[in-house]
C-alpha atoms as a PDB file:
ATOM      1  CA  MET A   1      24.205 -16.248  16.288  1.00  0.00           C
ATOM      2  CA  TRP A   2      22.338 -13.469  16.151  1.00  0.00           C
ATOM      3  CA  ALA A   3      23.004 -12.301  19.001  1.00  0.00           C
ATOM      4  CA  GLU A   4      26.367 -12.539  18.704  1.00  0.00           C
ATOM      5  CA  GLN A   5      26.637 -10.541  15.624  1.00  0.00           C
ATOM      6  CA  LEU A   6      24.336  -7.382  17.514  1.00  0.00           C
ATOM      7  CA  LEU A   7      26.814  -8.004  20.464  1.00  0.00           C
ATOM      8  CA  ASP A   8      29.647  -7.556  17.985  1.00  0.00           C
ATOM      9  CA  TYR A   9      27.862  -4.329  16.266  1.00  0.00           C
ATOM     10  CA  GLN A  10      27.532  -2.959  19.624  1.00  0.00           C
ATOM     11  CA  ARG A  11      30.892  -3.523  20.597  1.00  0.00           C
ATOM     12  CA  ARG A  12      32.433  -1.997  17.782  1.00  0.00           C
ATOM     13  CA  LYS A  13      30.664   0.618  16.166  1.00  0.00           C
ATOM     14  CA  ILE A  14      28.484   2.065  19.151  1.00  0.00           C
ATOM     15  CA  GLY A  15      30.803   1.558  22.013  1.00  0.00           C
ATOM     16  CA  ARG A  16      28.304   2.055  24.691  1.00  0.00           C
ATOM     17  CA  PRO A  17      25.475   0.260  26.117  1.00  0.00           C
ATOM     18  CA  VAL A  18      22.204   0.784  24.653  1.00  0.00           C
ATOM     19  CA  VAL A  19      18.744   0.374  24.870  1.00  0.00           C
ATOM     20  CA  LEU A  20      17.512  -2.568  22.657  1.00  0.00           C
ATOM     21  CA  VAL A  21      14.146  -1.770  20.439  1.00  0.00           C
ATOM     22  CA  VAL A  22      13.097  -5.547  20.173  1.00  0.00           C
ATOM     23  CA  GLN A  23      10.012  -6.450  17.076  1.00  0.00           C
ATOM     24  CA  GLY A  24       8.039  -9.691  17.348  1.00  0.00           C
ATOM     25  CA  GLY A  25       9.565 -12.807  17.871  1.00  0.00           C
ATOM     26  CA  LEU A  26      13.358 -11.480  18.067  1.00  0.00           C
ATOM     27  CA  LEU A  27      12.636 -11.396  21.984  1.00  0.00           C
ATOM     28  CA  PRO A  28      14.889 -14.620  22.151  1.00  0.00           C
ATOM     29  CA  VAL A  29      17.682 -12.635  20.667  1.00  0.00           C
ATOM     30  CA  ALA A  30      17.375  -9.581  22.892  1.00  0.00           C
ATOM     31  CA  LEU A  31      17.299 -12.348  25.664  1.00  0.00           C
ATOM     32  CA  GLU A  32      20.514 -14.167  24.543  1.00  0.00           C
ATOM     33  CA  MET A  33      22.033 -11.095  24.039  1.00  0.00           C
ATOM     34  CA  TRP A  34      21.446 -10.235  27.832  1.00  0.00           C
ATOM     35  CA  ARG A  35      22.918 -13.260  28.815  1.00  0.00           C
ATOM     36  CA  GLU A  36      26.019 -12.999  27.047  1.00  0.00           C
ATOM     37  CA  ALA A  37      26.640  -9.152  28.201  1.00  0.00           C
ATOM     38  CA  GLY A  38      24.276  -7.980  30.650  1.00  0.00           C
ATOM     39  CA  ASN A  39      24.175  -4.387  31.617  1.00  0.00           C
ATOM     40  CA  ASN A  40      27.832  -4.428  29.855  1.00  0.00           C
ATOM     41  CA  ALA A  41      25.885  -3.746  26.918  1.00  0.00           C
ATOM     42  CA  ILE A  42      21.976  -2.986  27.388  1.00  0.00           C
ATOM     43  CA  VAL A  43      20.471  -0.445  29.665  1.00  0.00           C
ATOM     44  CA  GLY A  44      17.251  -1.109  28.702  1.00  0.00           C
ATOM     45  CA  VAL A  45      14.699  -3.051  26.305  1.00  0.00           C
ATOM     46  CA  SER A  46      11.513  -2.122  25.023  1.00  0.00           C
ATOM     47  CA  LEU A  47       9.356  -5.037  23.288  1.00  0.00           C
ATOM     48  CA  CYS A  48       7.103  -4.380  20.457  1.00  0.00           C
ATOM     49  CA  SER A  49       4.267  -6.891  19.656  1.00  0.00           C
ATOM     50  CA  PRO A  50       6.556 -10.180  21.393  1.00  0.00           C
ATOM     51  CA  PRO A  51       5.138 -13.567  20.905  1.00  0.00           C
ATOM     52  CA  PRO A  52       3.083 -14.898  24.209  1.00  0.00           C
ATOM     53  CA  LEU A  53       4.732 -15.506  27.245  1.00  0.00           C
ATOM     54  CA  ARG A  54       4.550 -19.421  26.744  1.00  0.00           C
ATOM     55  CA  PHE A  55       6.700 -18.889  23.726  1.00  0.00           C
ATOM     56  CA  ILE A  56       9.904 -18.663  26.055  1.00  0.00           C
ATOM     57  CA  SER A  57       8.376 -19.905  29.179  1.00  0.00           C
ATOM     58  CA  PRO A  58       6.334 -23.360  29.168  1.00  0.00           C
ATOM     59  CA  GLU A  59       5.487 -23.607  32.302  1.00  0.00           C
ATOM     60  CA  ALA A  60       3.417 -19.753  31.969  1.00  0.00           C
ATOM     61  CA  PRO A  61      -0.129 -20.191  32.253  1.00  0.00           C
ATOM     62  CA  GLU A  62      -1.930 -20.538  28.822  1.00  0.00           C
ATOM     63  CA  GLU A  63      -2.966 -17.297  27.176  1.00  0.00           C
ATOM     64  CA  ARG A  64      -6.268 -16.887  24.982  1.00  0.00           C
ATOM     65  CA  ASN A  65      -5.802 -16.786  21.263  1.00  0.00           C
ATOM     66  CA  VAL A  66      -2.468 -18.293  21.038  1.00  0.00           C
ATOM     67  CA  ARG A  67      -1.871 -20.400  18.515  1.00  0.00           C
ATOM     68  CA  GLY A  68      -1.649 -24.451  19.158  1.00  0.00           C
ATOM     69  CA  ARG A  69       1.974 -24.647  18.149  1.00  0.00           C
ATOM     70  CA  PHE A  70       3.189 -21.993  20.734  1.00  0.00           C
ATOM     71  CA  ARG A  71       1.050 -23.927  23.693  1.00  0.00           C
ATOM     72  CA  GLY A  72       3.512 -27.364  23.650  1.00  0.00           C
ATOM     73  CA  GLU A  73       6.318 -27.825  25.925  1.00  0.00           C
ATOM     74  CA  PRO A  74      10.158 -27.962  24.377  1.00  0.00           C
ATOM     75  CA  SER A  75      10.665 -31.395  23.457  1.00  0.00           C
ATOM     76  CA  SER A  76      13.508 -33.476  21.681  1.00  0.00           C
ATOM     77  CA  PRO A  77      11.081 -34.336  18.821  1.00  0.00           C
ATOM     78  CA  GLY A  78      11.081 -30.695  18.195  1.00  0.00           C
ATOM     79  CA  ARG A  79      14.632 -30.452  17.741  1.00  0.00           C
ATOM     80  CA  LEU A  80      14.748 -33.257  14.874  1.00  0.00           C
ATOM     81  CA  LYS A  81      11.754 -31.297  13.326  1.00  0.00           C
ATOM     82  CA  GLN A  82      13.997 -28.094  13.423  1.00  0.00           C
ATOM     83  CA  ARG A  83      17.082 -29.622  12.068  1.00  0.00           C
ATOM     84  CA  ALA A  84      15.211 -31.523   9.257  1.00  0.00           C
ATOM     85  CA  ALA A  85      13.550 -27.805   8.734  1.00  0.00           C
ATOM     86  CA  TRP A  86      16.826 -26.326   8.285  1.00  0.00           C
ATOM     87  CA  ALA A  87      18.014 -28.773   6.060  1.00  0.00           C
ATOM     88  CA  LEU A  88      15.288 -28.832   3.635  1.00  0.00           C
ATOM     89  CA  SER A  89      15.888 -24.975   3.784  1.00  0.00           C
ATOM     90  CA  LEU A  90      19.475 -24.957   2.596  1.00  0.00           C
ATOM     91  CA  SER A  91      18.463 -27.748  -0.511  1.00  0.00           C
ATOM     92  CA  PRO A  92      17.377 -26.281  -3.771  1.00  0.00           C
ATOM     93  CA  VAL A  93      13.721 -27.582  -2.400  1.00  0.00           C
ATOM     94  CA  GLY A  94      14.122 -24.822   0.062  1.00  0.00           C
ATOM     95  CA  ASN A  95      15.090 -22.022  -2.482  1.00  0.00           C
ATOM     96  CA  LEU A  96      12.280 -22.936  -4.873  1.00  0.00           C
ATOM     97  CA  PHE A  97       9.903 -22.810  -2.352  1.00  0.00           C
ATOM     98  CA  PHE A  98      11.227 -19.256  -1.432  1.00  0.00           C
ATOM     99  CA  ARG A  99      11.101 -18.236  -5.028  1.00  0.00           C
ATOM    100  CA  TYR A 100       7.385 -19.583  -4.928  1.00  0.00           C
ATOM    101  CA  LEU A 101       6.519 -17.530  -1.882  1.00  0.00           C
ATOM    102  CA  ARG A 102       7.488 -14.401  -3.421  1.00  0.00           C
ATOM    103  CA  ALA A 103       6.486 -14.961  -6.989  1.00  0.00           C
ATOM    104  CA  GLY A 104       3.634 -13.003  -8.678  1.00  0.00           C
ATOM    105  CA  LYS A 105       3.223  -9.393  -9.558  1.00  0.00           C
ATOM    106  CA  ASP A 106       2.630  -7.580  -5.908  1.00  0.00           C
ATOM    107  CA  LEU A 107       3.797 -10.902  -4.303  1.00  0.00           C
ATOM    108  CA  PRO A 108      -0.028 -11.898  -3.529  1.00  0.00           C
ATOM    109  CA  ARG A 109       1.112 -14.631  -1.131  1.00  0.00           C
ATOM    110  CA  ILE A 110       3.259 -12.387   1.246  1.00  0.00           C
ATOM    111  CA  ARG A 111       0.016  -9.929   0.870  1.00  0.00           C
ATOM    112  CA  SER A 112      -2.059 -12.450   1.797  1.00  0.00           C
ATOM    113  CA  PHE A 113       0.154 -13.672   4.709  1.00  0.00           C
ATOM    114  CA  SER A 114       0.734  -9.973   6.063  1.00  0.00           C
ATOM    115  CA  GLU A 115      -3.329  -9.397   5.749  1.00  0.00           C
ATOM    116  CA  ARG A 116      -4.241 -12.512   7.769  1.00  0.00           C
ATOM    117  CA  ASN A 117      -1.431 -12.617  10.289  1.00  0.00           C
ATOM    118  CA  LEU A 118       0.638  -9.194  10.738  1.00  0.00           C
ATOM    119  CA  PHE A 119      -2.050  -6.311  10.477  1.00  0.00           C
ATOM    120  CA  PHE A 120      -4.732  -5.456  12.535  1.00  0.00           C
ATOM    121  CA  ASP A 121      -6.366  -3.703   9.500  1.00  0.00           C
ATOM    122  CA  PRO A 122      -5.744  -5.585   6.082  1.00  0.00           C
ATOM    123  CA  GLU A 123      -6.501  -2.117   4.247  1.00  0.00           C
ATOM    124  CA  ARG A 124      -3.017  -1.178   5.406  1.00  0.00           C
ATOM    125  CA  VAL A 125      -1.084  -3.629   3.652  1.00  0.00           C
ATOM    126  CA  ASP A 126      -0.097  -0.934   1.137  1.00  0.00           C
ATOM    127  CA  ASP A 127       1.834  -0.717  -1.694  1.00  0.00           C
ATOM    128  CA  GLU A 128       4.987   0.848   0.467  1.00  0.00           C
ATOM    129  CA  TRP A 129       4.702  -2.443   2.073  1.00  0.00           C
ATOM    130  CA  ILE A 130       4.617  -4.789  -0.695  1.00  0.00           C
ATOM    131  CA  ARG A 131       7.739  -2.956  -2.155  1.00  0.00           C
ATOM    132  CA  MET A 132       9.526  -3.016   1.001  1.00  0.00           C
ATOM    133  CA  CYS A 133       8.991  -6.991   1.132  1.00  0.00           C
ATOM    134  CA  ASP A 134      10.096  -7.274  -2.745  1.00  0.00           C
ATOM    135  CA  PHE A 135      13.263  -5.228  -2.187  1.00  0.00           C
ATOM    136  CA  GLY A 136      14.282  -7.360   1.033  1.00  0.00           C
ATOM    137  CA  SER A 137      13.370 -10.907  -0.981  1.00  0.00           C
ATOM    138  CA  ARG A 138      15.102 -10.052  -4.178  1.00  0.00           C
ATOM    139  CA  ASP A 139      18.537 -11.445  -2.741  1.00  0.00           C
ATOM    140  CA  ALA A 140      17.698 -15.439  -2.624  1.00  0.00           C
ATOM    141  CA  ARG A 141      19.934 -15.488   0.180  1.00  0.00           C
ATOM    142  CA  SER A 142      18.043 -13.835   2.433  1.00  0.00           C
ATOM    143  CA  ARG A 143      15.822 -16.653   2.864  1.00  0.00           C
ATOM    144  CA  PHE A 144      17.978 -18.064   5.293  1.00  0.00           C
ATOM    145  CA  ALA A 145      17.420 -15.639   7.844  1.00  0.00           C
ATOM    146  CA  THR A 146      13.755 -16.400   7.649  1.00  0.00           C
ATOM    147  CA  PHE A 147      14.336 -20.414   7.481  1.00  0.00           C
ATOM    148  CA  SER A 148      16.238 -19.957  10.368  1.00  0.00           C
ATOM    149  CA  TYR A 149      13.573 -18.145  12.284  1.00  0.00           C
ATOM    150  CA  LEU A 150      10.960 -20.764  11.228  1.00  0.00           C
ATOM    151  CA  ALA A 151      12.731 -23.582  11.937  1.00  0.00           C
ATOM    152  CA  GLY A 152      13.704 -22.502  15.682  1.00  0.00           C
ATOM    153  CA  THR A 153      10.140 -21.657  16.637  1.00  0.00           C
ATOM    154  CA  ILE A 154       8.845 -25.416  15.887  1.00  0.00           C
ATOM    155  CA  PRO A 155       8.184 -26.919  19.255  1.00  0.00           C
ATOM    156  CA  GLY A 156      11.262 -28.043  20.708  1.00  0.00           C
ATOM    157  CA  GLY A 157      13.300 -25.589  18.374  1.00  0.00           C
ATOM    158  CA  ALA A 158      15.639 -23.375  19.810  1.00  0.00           C
ATOM    159  CA  TRP A 159      13.871 -20.279  19.578  1.00  0.00           C
ATOM    160  CA  ARG A 160      11.439 -22.056  22.052  1.00  0.00           C
ATOM    161  CA  ASP A 161      14.024 -22.615  24.796  1.00  0.00           C
ATOM    162  CA  ASP A 162      13.075 -22.028  28.134  1.00  0.00           C
ATOM    163  CA  ARG A 163      14.305 -18.666  29.038  1.00  0.00           C
ATOM    164  CA  ALA A 164      11.445 -17.776  32.037  1.00  0.00           C
ATOM    165  CA  ASP A 165      14.696 -17.373  34.622  1.00  0.00           C
ATOM    166  CA  LEU A 166      16.470 -15.365  32.045  1.00  0.00           C
ATOM    167  CA  LEU A 167      13.696 -12.878  31.579  1.00  0.00           C
ATOM    168  CA  ALA A 168      13.181 -12.748  35.426  1.00  0.00           C
ATOM    169  CA  SER A 169      17.258 -11.341  35.402  1.00  0.00           C
ATOM    170  CA  LEU A 170      16.372  -8.908  32.754  1.00  0.00           C
ATOM    171  CA  ASP A 171      16.938  -5.972  35.749  1.00  0.00           C
ATOM    172  CA  VAL A 172      16.989  -3.050  33.282  1.00  0.00           C
ATOM    173  CA  PRO A 173      13.828  -0.404  32.465  1.00  0.00           C
ATOM    174  CA  SER A 174      11.497  -2.474  30.337  1.00  0.00           C
ATOM    175  CA  GLN A 175       8.744  -2.170  28.054  1.00  0.00           C
ATOM    176  CA  VAL A 176       6.206  -3.678  26.464  1.00  0.00           C
ATOM    177  CA  LEU A 177       3.976  -2.597  23.511  1.00  0.00           C
ATOM    178  CA  ARG A 178       1.055  -4.706  22.024  1.00  0.00           C
ATOM    179  CA  GLY A 179      -1.511  -4.075  19.446  1.00  0.00           C
ATOM    180  CA  GLY A 180      -5.115  -4.160  21.014  1.00  0.00           C
ATOM    181  CA  GLY A 181      -6.500  -5.490  17.955  1.00  0.00           C
ATOM    182  CA  ILE A 182      -6.956  -9.454  18.978  1.00  0.00           C
ATOM    183  CA  PRO A 183      -9.029 -10.781  21.547  1.00  0.00           C
ATOM    184  CA  GLY A 184      -6.899 -11.542  25.067  1.00  0.00           C
ATOM    185  CA  ALA A 185      -4.226  -8.713  24.297  1.00  0.00           C
ATOM    186  CA  GLU A 186      -4.512  -7.084  27.143  1.00  0.00           C
ATOM    187  CA  GLU A 187      -4.268 -10.593  28.801  1.00  0.00           C
ATOM    188  CA  ARG A 188      -1.158 -11.405  27.151  1.00  0.00           C
ATOM    189  CA  LEU A 189       0.046  -7.562  27.760  1.00  0.00           C
ATOM    190  CA  GLN A 190      -0.477  -8.086  31.472  1.00  0.00           C
ATOM    191  CA  ALA A 191       1.302 -11.616  31.114  1.00  0.00           C
ATOM    192  CA  LEU A 192       4.565 -10.520  30.220  1.00  0.00           C
ATOM    193  CA  VAL A 193       4.281  -7.154  32.389  1.00  0.00           C
ATOM    194  CA  GLU A 194       3.980  -9.486  35.459  1.00  0.00           C
ATOM    195  CA  ALA A 195       7.018 -11.395  34.445  1.00  0.00           C
ATOM    196  CA  LEU A 196       9.474  -8.563  34.166  1.00  0.00           C
ATOM    197  CA  PRO A 197      11.329  -7.256  37.127  1.00  0.00           C
ATOM    198  CA  GLN A 198      11.201  -3.218  35.968  1.00  0.00           C
ATOM    199  CA  PRO A 199       8.523  -3.046  33.486  1.00  0.00           C
ATOM    200  CA  SER A 200       7.983   0.516  32.253  1.00  0.00           C
ATOM    201  CA  CYS A 201       5.272   2.479  29.941  1.00  0.00           C
ATOM    202  CA  CYS A 202       3.936  -0.435  29.236  1.00  0.00           C
ATOM    203  CA  GLN A 203       0.763  -0.172  26.846  1.00  0.00           C
ATOM    204  CA  LEU A 204      -1.607  -1.318  24.245  1.00  0.00           C
ATOM    205  CA  ILE A 205      -1.817   0.474  20.998  1.00  0.00           C
ATOM    206  CA  SER A 206      -5.054   0.644  19.776  1.00  0.00           C
ATOM    207  CA  CYS A 207      -5.814  -0.476  16.099  1.00  0.00           C
ATOM    208  CA  GLY A 208      -2.469  -2.563  15.642  1.00  0.00           C
ATOM    209  CA  ARG A 209      -1.232  -6.092  15.435  1.00  0.00           C
ATOM    210  CA  SER A 210       1.758  -7.316  14.908  1.00  0.00           C
ATOM    211  CA  VAL A 211       4.058  -5.102  13.059  1.00  0.00           C
ATOM    212  CA  LEU A 212       3.146  -2.036  15.639  1.00  0.00           C
ATOM    213  CA  PRO A 213       6.505   0.576  14.137  1.00  0.00           C
ATOM    214  CA  TYR A 214       4.741   0.066  10.850  1.00  0.00           C
ATOM    215  CA  GLU A 215       1.018  -0.411  10.849  1.00  0.00           C
ATOM    216  CA  ASN A 216       0.928   2.688  13.768  1.00  0.00           C
ATOM    217  CA  PRO A 217       4.087   4.199  13.653  1.00  0.00           C
ATOM    218  CA  ALA A 218       3.370   7.653  15.377  1.00  0.00           C
ATOM    219  CA  PRO A 219       1.776   6.425  18.566  1.00  0.00           C
ATOM    220  CA  THR A 220       4.436   3.778  18.627  1.00  0.00           C
ATOM    221  CA  ALA A 221       7.237   6.450  18.258  1.00  0.00           C
ATOM    222  CA  GLU A 222       5.515   7.971  21.174  1.00  0.00           C
ATOM    223  CA  ALA A 223       5.108   5.590  23.677  1.00  0.00           C
ATOM    224  CA  ILE A 224       8.955   5.097  23.150  1.00  0.00           C
ATOM    225  CA  ALA A 225       9.896   7.993  23.443  1.00  0.00           C
ATOM    226  CA  ARG A 226       8.037   8.235  26.571  1.00  0.00           C
ATOM    227  CA  PHE A 227       9.824   5.501  27.862  1.00  0.00           C
ATOM    228  CA  LEU A 228      12.928   7.059  27.034  1.00  0.00           C
ATOM    229  CA  LYS A 229      12.471   9.978  28.615  1.00  0.00           C
ATOM    230  CA  GLU A 230      11.348   8.530  32.022  1.00  0.00           C
ATOM    231  CA  ASN A 231      14.012   6.134  32.269  1.00  0.00           C
ATOM    232  CA  TRP A 232      17.330   8.176  31.012  1.00  0.00           C
END
């Protein structure tokens, strides 16, 4: 559904093929856009902090420093867990859980999650980041996008479907940018580069992790600008 919404925006508002800039685990959305519209909508893709290759390709070799829940192959029980997680998120319990996550002065739980999982340097989880998270979470309806993503990443969930062939068909210039701040970063970069038909301007961004456009905006913007200049 997210892919359909973005394609509708591309067709109605932009009116010409675009270069997608994809942050984090939204790689499956980009691939589904490609499946649906191909070169009619997409002329290039820049992937910032994409997930491990095994996230979408269960047969890919296991990479270092990948969480256990991203190592398993899709399975039917995972679909049941996904449906249960989504049903729970729609219930009053889901609403209360969302409010619990964003409760407290300066959003301490969101700050802790950002420091542990998103940023290379915890000191870069600044007040501006927290204000942005606070603003985005004020409308409780925003929880549906968060829960939809989390439910889909459960092993066997739709986010984890095998899309290896779809990735291999992405025959447009494609960039991979990864943060160099975790063990195995170069290995993970190389695994995805080798899976792309037309890799271009792929690199590690030093002192970065999972939110490169925010944590390291200047080198990330420079890398994307170089990618655009060399290919268009």
